[in-house]
Amino acid sequence: MPNLEEAIRERAYLLWVEDGRPEGKADIYWLTAQREILAASMVNSDREAMESLNEMVATRLSKKRRPDRGYAWRRVG
């Protein structure tokens, strides 16, 4: 996320407005927004990591054994 602080600020503001704009609870809204934004960021990171891993596995599985490579135990000649 390019600007984490801005995303948290916007989410905290929306939570505060949805809750009727109570006074003296800025920290609660900030921390709630921070938790939500960071949790969403972790889910996206996990998803991207799994996609990358799946892509790597698929690439390795799709590679065929090269015909010029035999098994180590075969005798040549």
PDB file of N, CA and C in Angstrom:
ATOM      1  N   MET A   1       0.853  -1.173   0.000  1.00  0.00           N
ATOM      2  CA  MET A   1       0.000   0.000   0.000  1.00  0.00           C
ATOM      3  C   MET A   1       0.895   1.230   0.000  1.00  0.00           C
ATOM      4  N   PRO A   2       0.696   2.107  -0.979  1.00  0.00           N
ATOM      5  CA  PRO A   2       1.602   3.234  -1.137  1.00  0.00           C
ATOM      6  C   PRO A   2       1.666   4.159   0.072  1.00  0.00           C
ATOM      7  N   ASN A   3       0.535   4.536   0.629  1.00  0.00           N
ATOM      8  CA  ASN A   3       0.547   5.453   1.764  1.00  0.00           C
ATOM      9  C   ASN A   3      -0.309   4.876   2.871  1.00  0.00           C
ATOM     10  N   LEU A   4       0.317   4.109   3.717  1.00  0.00           N
ATOM     11  CA  LEU A   4      -0.377   3.402   4.787  1.00  0.00           C
ATOM     12  C   LEU A   4      -1.063   4.368   5.757  1.00  0.00           C
ATOM     13  N   GLU A   5      -0.365   5.412   6.135  1.00  0.00           N
ATOM     14  CA  GLU A   5      -0.931   6.368   7.091  1.00  0.00           C
ATOM     15  C   GLU A   5      -2.196   7.032   6.546  1.00  0.00           C
ATOM     16  N   GLU A   6      -2.185   7.384   5.275  1.00  0.00           N
ATOM     17  CA  GLU A   6      -3.361   8.012   4.658  1.00  0.00           C
ATOM     18  C   GLU A   6      -4.543   7.043   4.615  1.00  0.00           C
ATOM     19  N   ALA A   7      -4.268   5.777   4.289  1.00  0.00           N
ATOM     20  CA  ALA A   7      -5.330   4.768   4.258  1.00  0.00           C
ATOM     21  C   ALA A   7      -5.938   4.578   5.645  1.00  0.00           C
ATOM     22  N   ILE A   8      -5.085   4.552   6.664  1.00  0.00           N
ATOM     23  CA  ILE A   8      -5.578   4.405   8.041  1.00  0.00           C
ATOM     24  C   ILE A   8      -6.396   5.622   8.436  1.00  0.00           C
ATOM     25  N   ARG A   9      -5.914   6.802   8.085  1.00  0.00           N
ATOM     26  CA  ARG A   9      -6.627   8.043   8.418  1.00  0.00           C
ATOM     27  C   ARG A   9      -8.020   8.058   7.798  1.00  0.00           C
ATOM     28  N   GLU A  10      -8.103   7.680   6.523  1.00  0.00           N
ATOM     29  CA  GLU A  10      -9.403   7.673   5.841  1.00  0.00           C
ATOM     30  C   GLU A  10     -10.352   6.647   6.457  1.00  0.00           C
ATOM     31  N   ARG A  11      -9.834   5.463   6.772  1.00  0.00           N
ATOM     32  CA  ARG A  11     -10.687   4.424   7.372  1.00  0.00           C
ATOM     33  C   ARG A  11     -11.139   4.844   8.769  1.00  0.00           C
ATOM     34  N   ALA A  12     -10.240   5.422   9.549  1.00  0.00           N
ATOM     35  CA  ALA A  12     -10.599   5.880  10.897  1.00  0.00           C
ATOM     36  C   ALA A  12     -11.689   6.946  10.826  1.00  0.00           C
ATOM     37  N   TYR A  13     -11.573   7.839   9.869  1.00  0.00           N
ATOM     38  CA  TYR A  13     -12.589   8.884   9.697  1.00  0.00           C
ATOM     39  C   TYR A  13     -13.945   8.268   9.359  1.00  0.00           C
ATOM     40  N   LEU A  14     -13.943   7.301   8.419  1.00  0.00           N
ATOM     41  CA  LEU A  14     -15.211   6.648   8.057  1.00  0.00           C
ATOM     42  C   LEU A  14     -15.836   5.921   9.241  1.00  0.00           C
ATOM     43  N   LEU A  15     -15.012   5.242  10.023  1.00  0.00           N
ATOM     44  CA  LEU A  15     -15.526   4.558  11.213  1.00  0.00           C
ATOM     45  C   LEU A  15     -16.119   5.560  12.204  1.00  0.00           C
ATOM     46  N   TRP A  16     -15.434   6.685  12.374  1.00  0.00           N
ATOM     47  CA  TRP A  16     -15.888   7.721  13.297  1.00  0.00           C
ATOM     48  C   TRP A  16     -17.224   8.312  12.850  1.00  0.00           C
ATOM     49  N   VAL A  17     -17.353   8.587  11.548  1.00  0.00           N
ATOM     50  CA  VAL A  17     -18.599   9.131  11.005  1.00  0.00           C
ATOM     51  C   VAL A  17     -19.729   8.116  11.160  1.00  0.00           C
ATOM     52  N   GLU A  18     -19.447   6.845  10.833  1.00  0.00           N
ATOM     53  CA  GLU A  18     -20.467   5.798  10.954  1.00  0.00           C
ATOM     54  C   GLU A  18     -20.956   5.636  12.388  1.00  0.00           C
ATOM     55  N   ASP A  19     -20.081   5.949  13.341  1.00  0.00           N
ATOM     56  CA  ASP A  19     -20.422   5.775  14.754  1.00  0.00           C
ATOM     57  C   ASP A  19     -21.064   7.029  15.358  1.00  0.00           C
ATOM     58  N   GLY A  20     -21.373   8.028  14.536  1.00  0.00           N
ATOM     59  CA  GLY A  20     -22.055   9.221  15.029  1.00  0.00           C
ATOM     60  C   GLY A  20     -21.139  10.333  15.484  1.00  0.00           C
ATOM     61  N   ARG A  21     -19.865  10.284  15.140  1.00  0.00           N
ATOM     62  CA  ARG A  21     -18.882  11.323  15.446  1.00  0.00           C
ATOM     63  C   ARG A  21     -18.730  11.618  16.944  1.00  0.00           C
ATOM     64  N   PRO A  22     -18.522  10.594  17.749  1.00  0.00           N
ATOM     65  CA  PRO A  22     -18.359  10.841  19.190  1.00  0.00           C
ATOM     66  C   PRO A  22     -17.021  11.536  19.492  1.00  0.00           C
ATOM     67  N   GLU A  23     -17.002  12.329  20.518  1.00  0.00           N
ATOM     68  CA  GLU A  23     -15.798  13.065  20.908  1.00  0.00           C
ATOM     69  C   GLU A  23     -14.920  12.210  21.828  1.00  0.00           C
ATOM     70  N   GLY A  24     -13.602  12.421  21.736  1.00  0.00           N
ATOM     71  CA  GLY A  24     -12.660  11.819  22.668  1.00  0.00           C
ATOM     72  C   GLY A  24     -12.317  10.358  22.419  1.00  0.00           C
ATOM     73  N   LYS A  25     -12.604   9.834  21.251  1.00  0.00           N
ATOM     74  CA  LYS A  25     -12.306   8.437  20.969  1.00  0.00           C
ATOM     75  C   LYS A  25     -11.442   8.274  19.725  1.00  0.00           C
ATOM     76  N   ALA A  26     -10.654   9.263  19.410  1.00  0.00           N
ATOM     77  CA  ALA A  26      -9.839   9.233  18.201  1.00  0.00           C
ATOM     78  C   ALA A  26      -8.881   8.043  18.191  1.00  0.00           C
ATOM     79  N   ASP A  27      -8.282   7.755  19.336  1.00  0.00           N
ATOM     80  CA  ASP A  27      -7.332   6.637  19.407  1.00  0.00           C
ATOM     81  C   ASP A  27      -7.999   5.306  19.094  1.00  0.00           C
ATOM     82  N   ILE A  28      -9.207   5.125  19.569  1.00  0.00           N
ATOM     83  CA  ILE A  28      -9.929   3.869  19.328  1.00  0.00           C
ATOM     84  C   ILE A  28     -10.179   3.697  17.832  1.00  0.00           C
ATOM     85  N   TYR A  29     -10.602   4.762  17.167  1.00  0.00           N
ATOM     86  CA  TYR A  29     -10.881   4.671  15.735  1.00  0.00           C
ATOM     87  C   TYR A  29      -9.594   4.483  14.942  1.00  0.00           C
ATOM     88  N   TRP A  30      -8.541   5.151  15.353  1.00  0.00           N
ATOM     89  CA  TRP A  30      -7.260   5.012  14.664  1.00  0.00           C
ATOM     90  C   TRP A  30      -6.757   3.563  14.770  1.00  0.00           C
ATOM     91  N   LEU A  31      -6.774   3.017  15.986  1.00  0.00           N
ATOM     92  CA  LEU A  31      -6.273   1.655  16.184  1.00  0.00           C
ATOM     93  C   LEU A  31      -7.145   0.617  15.484  1.00  0.00           C
ATOM     94  N   THR A  32      -8.450   0.832  15.478  1.00  0.00           N
ATOM     95  CA  THR A  32      -9.348  -0.090  14.774  1.00  0.00           C
ATOM     96  C   THR A  32      -9.064  -0.055  13.276  1.00  0.00           C
ATOM     97  N   ALA A  33      -8.920   1.146  12.737  1.00  0.00           N
ATOM     98  CA  ALA A  33      -8.620   1.293  11.309  1.00  0.00           C
ATOM     99  C   ALA A  33      -7.257   0.694  10.981  1.00  0.00           C
ATOM    100  N   GLN A  34      -6.292   0.926  11.830  1.00  0.00           N
ATOM    101  CA  GLN A  34      -4.953   0.385  11.619  1.00  0.00           C
ATOM    102  C   GLN A  34      -4.990  -1.144  11.577  1.00  0.00           C
ATOM    103  N   ARG A  35      -5.698  -1.742  12.512  1.00  0.00           N
ATOM    104  CA  ARG A  35      -5.819  -3.200  12.550  1.00  0.00           C
ATOM    105  C   ARG A  35      -6.476  -3.721  11.271  1.00  0.00           C
ATOM    106  N   GLU A  36      -7.553  -3.075  10.834  1.00  0.00           N
ATOM    107  CA  GLU A  36      -8.255  -3.502   9.617  1.00  0.00           C
ATOM    108  C   GLU A  36      -7.361  -3.399   8.374  1.00  0.00           C
ATOM    109  N   ILE A  37      -6.681  -2.268   8.239  1.00  0.00           N
ATOM    110  CA  ILE A  37      -5.842  -2.034   7.061  1.00  0.00           C
ATOM    111  C   ILE A  37      -4.672  -3.016   7.035  1.00  0.00           C
ATOM    112  N   LEU A  38      -4.022  -3.206   8.176  1.00  0.00           N
ATOM    113  CA  LEU A  38      -2.883  -4.126   8.221  1.00  0.00           C
ATOM    114  C   LEU A  38      -3.314  -5.569   8.006  1.00  0.00           C
ATOM    115  N   ALA A  39      -4.465  -5.959   8.539  1.00  0.00           N
ATOM    116  CA  ALA A  39      -4.966  -7.321   8.327  1.00  0.00           C
ATOM    117  C   ALA A  39      -5.268  -7.544   6.844  1.00  0.00           C
ATOM    118  N   ALA A  40      -5.892  -6.564   6.213  1.00  0.00           N
ATOM    119  CA  ALA A  40      -6.190  -6.678   4.780  1.00  0.00           C
ATOM    120  C   ALA A  40      -4.902  -6.747   3.976  1.00  0.00           C
ATOM    121  N   SER A  41      -3.903  -5.992   4.379  1.00  0.00           N
ATOM    122  CA  SER A  41      -2.617  -6.002   3.700  1.00  0.00           C
ATOM    123  C   SER A  41      -1.945  -7.371   3.813  1.00  0.00           C
ATOM    124  N   MET A  42      -2.042  -7.988   4.990  1.00  0.00           N
ATOM    125  CA  MET A  42      -1.450  -9.313   5.196  1.00  0.00           C
ATOM    126  C   MET A  42      -2.159 -10.359   4.349  1.00  0.00           C
ATOM    127  N   VAL A  43      -3.470 -10.274   4.255  1.00  0.00           N
ATOM    128  CA  VAL A  43      -4.229 -11.223   3.430  1.00  0.00           C
ATOM    129  C   VAL A  43      -3.795 -11.102   1.978  1.00  0.00           C
ATOM    130  N   ASN A  44      -3.644  -9.866   1.498  1.00  0.00           N
ATOM    131  CA  ASN A  44      -3.207  -9.656   0.118  1.00  0.00           C
ATOM    132  C   ASN A  44      -1.791 -10.175  -0.097  1.00  0.00           C
ATOM    133  N   SER A  45      -0.911  -9.957   0.885  1.00  0.00           N
ATOM    134  CA  SER A  45       0.460 -10.450   0.767  1.00  0.00           C
ATOM    135  C   SER A  45       0.483 -11.969   0.736  1.00  0.00           C
ATOM    136  N   ASP A  46      -0.315 -12.600   1.591  1.00  0.00           N
ATOM    137  CA  ASP A  46      -0.387 -14.064   1.605  1.00  0.00           C
ATOM    138  C   ASP A  46      -0.911 -14.581   0.274  1.00  0.00           C
ATOM    139  N   ARG A  47      -1.916 -13.920  -0.264  1.00  0.00           N
ATOM    140  CA  ARG A  47      -2.496 -14.336  -1.541  1.00  0.00           C
ATOM    141  C   ARG A  47      -1.458 -14.214  -2.656  1.00  0.00           C
ATOM    142  N   GLU A  48      -0.724 -13.102  -2.667  1.00  0.00           N
ATOM    143  CA  GLU A  48       0.304 -12.904  -3.684  1.00  0.00           C
ATOM    144  C   GLU A  48       1.419 -13.932  -3.541  1.00  0.00           C
ATOM    145  N   ALA A  49       1.797 -14.248  -2.304  1.00  0.00           N
ATOM    146  CA  ALA A  49       2.839 -15.249  -2.083  1.00  0.00           C
ATOM    147  C   ALA A  49       2.384 -16.619  -2.565  1.00  0.00           C
ATOM    148  N   MET A  50       1.140 -16.979  -2.299  1.00  0.00           N
ATOM    149  CA  MET A  50       0.622 -18.273  -2.741  1.00  0.00           C
ATOM    150  C   MET A  50       0.542 -18.327  -4.267  1.00  0.00           C
ATOM    151  N   GLU A  51       0.126 -17.253  -4.902  1.00  0.00           N
ATOM    152  CA  GLU A  51       0.070 -17.220  -6.362  1.00  0.00           C
ATOM    153  C   GLU A  51       1.465 -17.383  -6.955  1.00  0.00           C
ATOM    154  N   SER A  52       2.443 -16.727  -6.349  1.00  0.00           N
ATOM    155  CA  SER A  52       3.814 -16.835  -6.820  1.00  0.00           C
ATOM    156  C   SER A  52       4.337 -18.257  -6.649  1.00  0.00           C
ATOM    157  N   LEU A  53       4.052 -18.857  -5.502  1.00  0.00           N
ATOM    158  CA  LEU A  53       4.472 -20.234  -5.242  1.00  0.00           C
ATOM    159  C   LEU A  53       3.802 -21.197  -6.217  1.00  0.00           C
ATOM    160  N   ASN A  54       2.504 -21.033  -6.434  1.00  0.00           N
ATOM    161  CA  ASN A  54       1.790 -21.894  -7.380  1.00  0.00           C
ATOM    162  C   ASN A  54       2.354 -21.760  -8.785  1.00  0.00           C
ATOM    163  N   GLU A  55       2.703 -20.541  -9.166  1.00  0.00           N
ATOM    164  CA  GLU A  55       3.272 -20.300 -10.488  1.00  0.00           C
ATOM    165  C   GLU A  55       4.630 -20.986 -10.621  1.00  0.00           C
ATOM    166  N   MET A  56       5.441 -20.905  -9.556  1.00  0.00           N
ATOM    167  CA  MET A  56       6.750 -21.536  -9.580  1.00  0.00           C
ATOM    168  C   MET A  56       6.618 -23.060  -9.677  1.00  0.00           C
ATOM    169  N   VAL A  57       5.712 -23.644  -8.912  1.00  0.00           N
ATOM    170  CA  VAL A  57       5.495 -25.087  -8.954  1.00  0.00           C
ATOM    171  C   VAL A  57       4.995 -25.505 -10.332  1.00  0.00           C
ATOM    172  N   ALA A  58       4.051 -24.770 -10.884  1.00  0.00           N
ATOM    173  CA  ALA A  58       3.515 -25.098 -12.201  1.00  0.00           C
ATOM    174  C   ALA A  58       4.609 -25.034 -13.264  1.00  0.00           C
ATOM    175  N   THR A  59       5.493 -24.053 -13.156  1.00  0.00           N
ATOM    176  CA  THR A  59       6.591 -23.925 -14.113  1.00  0.00           C
ATOM    177  C   THR A  59       7.527 -25.119 -14.021  1.00  0.00           C
ATOM    178  N   ARG A  60       7.840 -25.515 -12.803  1.00  0.00           N
ATOM    179  CA  ARG A  60       8.741 -26.656 -12.621  1.00  0.00           C
ATOM    180  C   ARG A  60       8.094 -27.950 -13.112  1.00  0.00           C
ATOM    181  N   LEU A  61       6.809 -28.102 -12.859  1.00  0.00           N
ATOM    182  CA  LEU A  61       6.130 -29.322 -13.288  1.00  0.00           C
ATOM    183  C   LEU A  61       5.966 -29.384 -14.797  1.00  0.00           C
ATOM    184  N   SER A  62       5.881 -28.228 -15.425  1.00  0.00           N
ATOM    185  CA  SER A  62       5.671 -28.213 -16.875  1.00  0.00           C
ATOM    186  C   SER A  62       6.957 -28.477 -17.660  1.00  0.00           C
ATOM    187  N   LYS A  63       8.095 -28.294 -17.006  1.00  0.00           N
ATOM    188  CA  LYS A  63       9.362 -28.553 -17.690  1.00  0.00           C
ATOM    189  C   LYS A  63       9.520 -30.057 -17.881  1.00  0.00           C
ATOM    190  N   LYS A  64       9.868 -30.418 -19.088  1.00  0.00           N
ATOM    191  CA  LYS A  64      10.069 -31.836 -19.386  1.00  0.00           C
ATOM    192  C   LYS A  64      11.537 -32.184 -19.205  1.00  0.00           C
ATOM    193  N   ARG A  65      11.776 -33.450 -18.938  1.00  0.00           N
ATOM    194  CA  ARG A  65      13.153 -33.908 -18.816  1.00  0.00           C
ATOM    195  C   ARG A  65      13.833 -33.771 -20.176  1.00  0.00           C
ATOM    196  N   ARG A  66      14.983 -33.161 -20.159  1.00  0.00           N
ATOM    197  CA  ARG A  66      15.724 -33.004 -21.411  1.00  0.00           C
ATOM    198  C   ARG A  66      16.198 -34.368 -21.895  1.00  0.00           C
ATOM    199  N   PRO A  67      16.067 -34.645 -23.180  1.00  0.00           N
ATOM    200  CA  PRO A  67      16.441 -35.959 -23.702  1.00  0.00           C
ATOM    201  C   PRO A  67      17.928 -36.265 -23.560  1.00  0.00           C
ATOM    202  N   ASP A  68      18.777 -35.234 -23.481  1.00  0.00           N
ATOM    203  CA  ASP A  68      20.210 -35.490 -23.377  1.00  0.00           C
ATOM    204  C   ASP A  68      20.651 -35.784 -21.944  1.00  0.00           C
ATOM    205  N   ARG A  69      19.731 -35.731 -21.011  1.00  0.00           N
ATOM    206  CA  ARG A  69      20.078 -36.019 -19.624  1.00  0.00           C
ATOM    207  C   ARG A  69      19.532 -37.381 -19.241  1.00  0.00           C
ATOM    208  N   GLY A  70      20.394 -38.246 -18.876  1.00  0.00           N
ATOM    209  CA  GLY A  70      19.972 -39.568 -18.443  1.00  0.00           C
ATOM    210  C   GLY A  70      20.057 -39.670 -16.934  1.00  0.00           C
ATOM    211  N   TYR A  71      19.951 -40.844 -16.462  1.00  0.00           N
ATOM    212  CA  TYR A  71      20.065 -41.076 -15.030  1.00  0.00           C
ATOM    213  C   TYR A  71      21.524 -41.267 -14.661  1.00  0.00           C
ATOM    214  N   ALA A  72      21.904 -40.919 -13.487  1.00  0.00           N
ATOM    215  CA  ALA A  72      23.302 -40.983 -13.043  1.00  0.00           C
ATOM    216  C   ALA A  72      23.820 -42.423 -13.023  1.00  0.00           C
ATOM    217  N   TRP A  73      22.950 -43.382 -12.827  1.00  0.00           N
ATOM    218  CA  TRP A  73      23.400 -44.759 -12.706  1.00  0.00           C
ATOM    219  C   TRP A  73      23.606 -45.451 -14.043  1.00  0.00           C
ATOM    220  N   ARG A  74      23.212 -44.836 -15.150  1.00  0.00           N
ATOM    221  CA  ARG A  74      23.420 -45.445 -16.474  1.00  0.00           C
ATOM    222  C   ARG A  74      24.873 -45.327 -16.889  1.00  0.00           C
ATOM    223  N   ARG A  75      25.356 -46.374 -17.486  1.00  0.00           N
ATOM    224  CA  ARG A  75      26.721 -46.341 -18.022  1.00  0.00           C
ATOM    225  C   ARG A  75      26.681 -45.850 -19.466  1.00  0.00           C
ATOM    226  N   VAL A  76      27.577 -45.036 -19.791  1.00  0.00           N
ATOM    227  CA  VAL A  76      27.671 -44.516 -21.143  1.00  0.00           C
ATOM    228  C   VAL A  76      28.825 -45.224 -21.834  1.00  0.00           C
ATOM    229  N   GLY A  77      28.592 -45.678 -23.061  1.00  0.00           N
ATOM    230  CA  GLY A  77      29.674 -46.217 -23.846  1.00  0.00           C
ATOM    231  C   GLY A  77      29.782 -47.646 -23.804  1.00  0.00           C
TER     232      GLY A  77
END
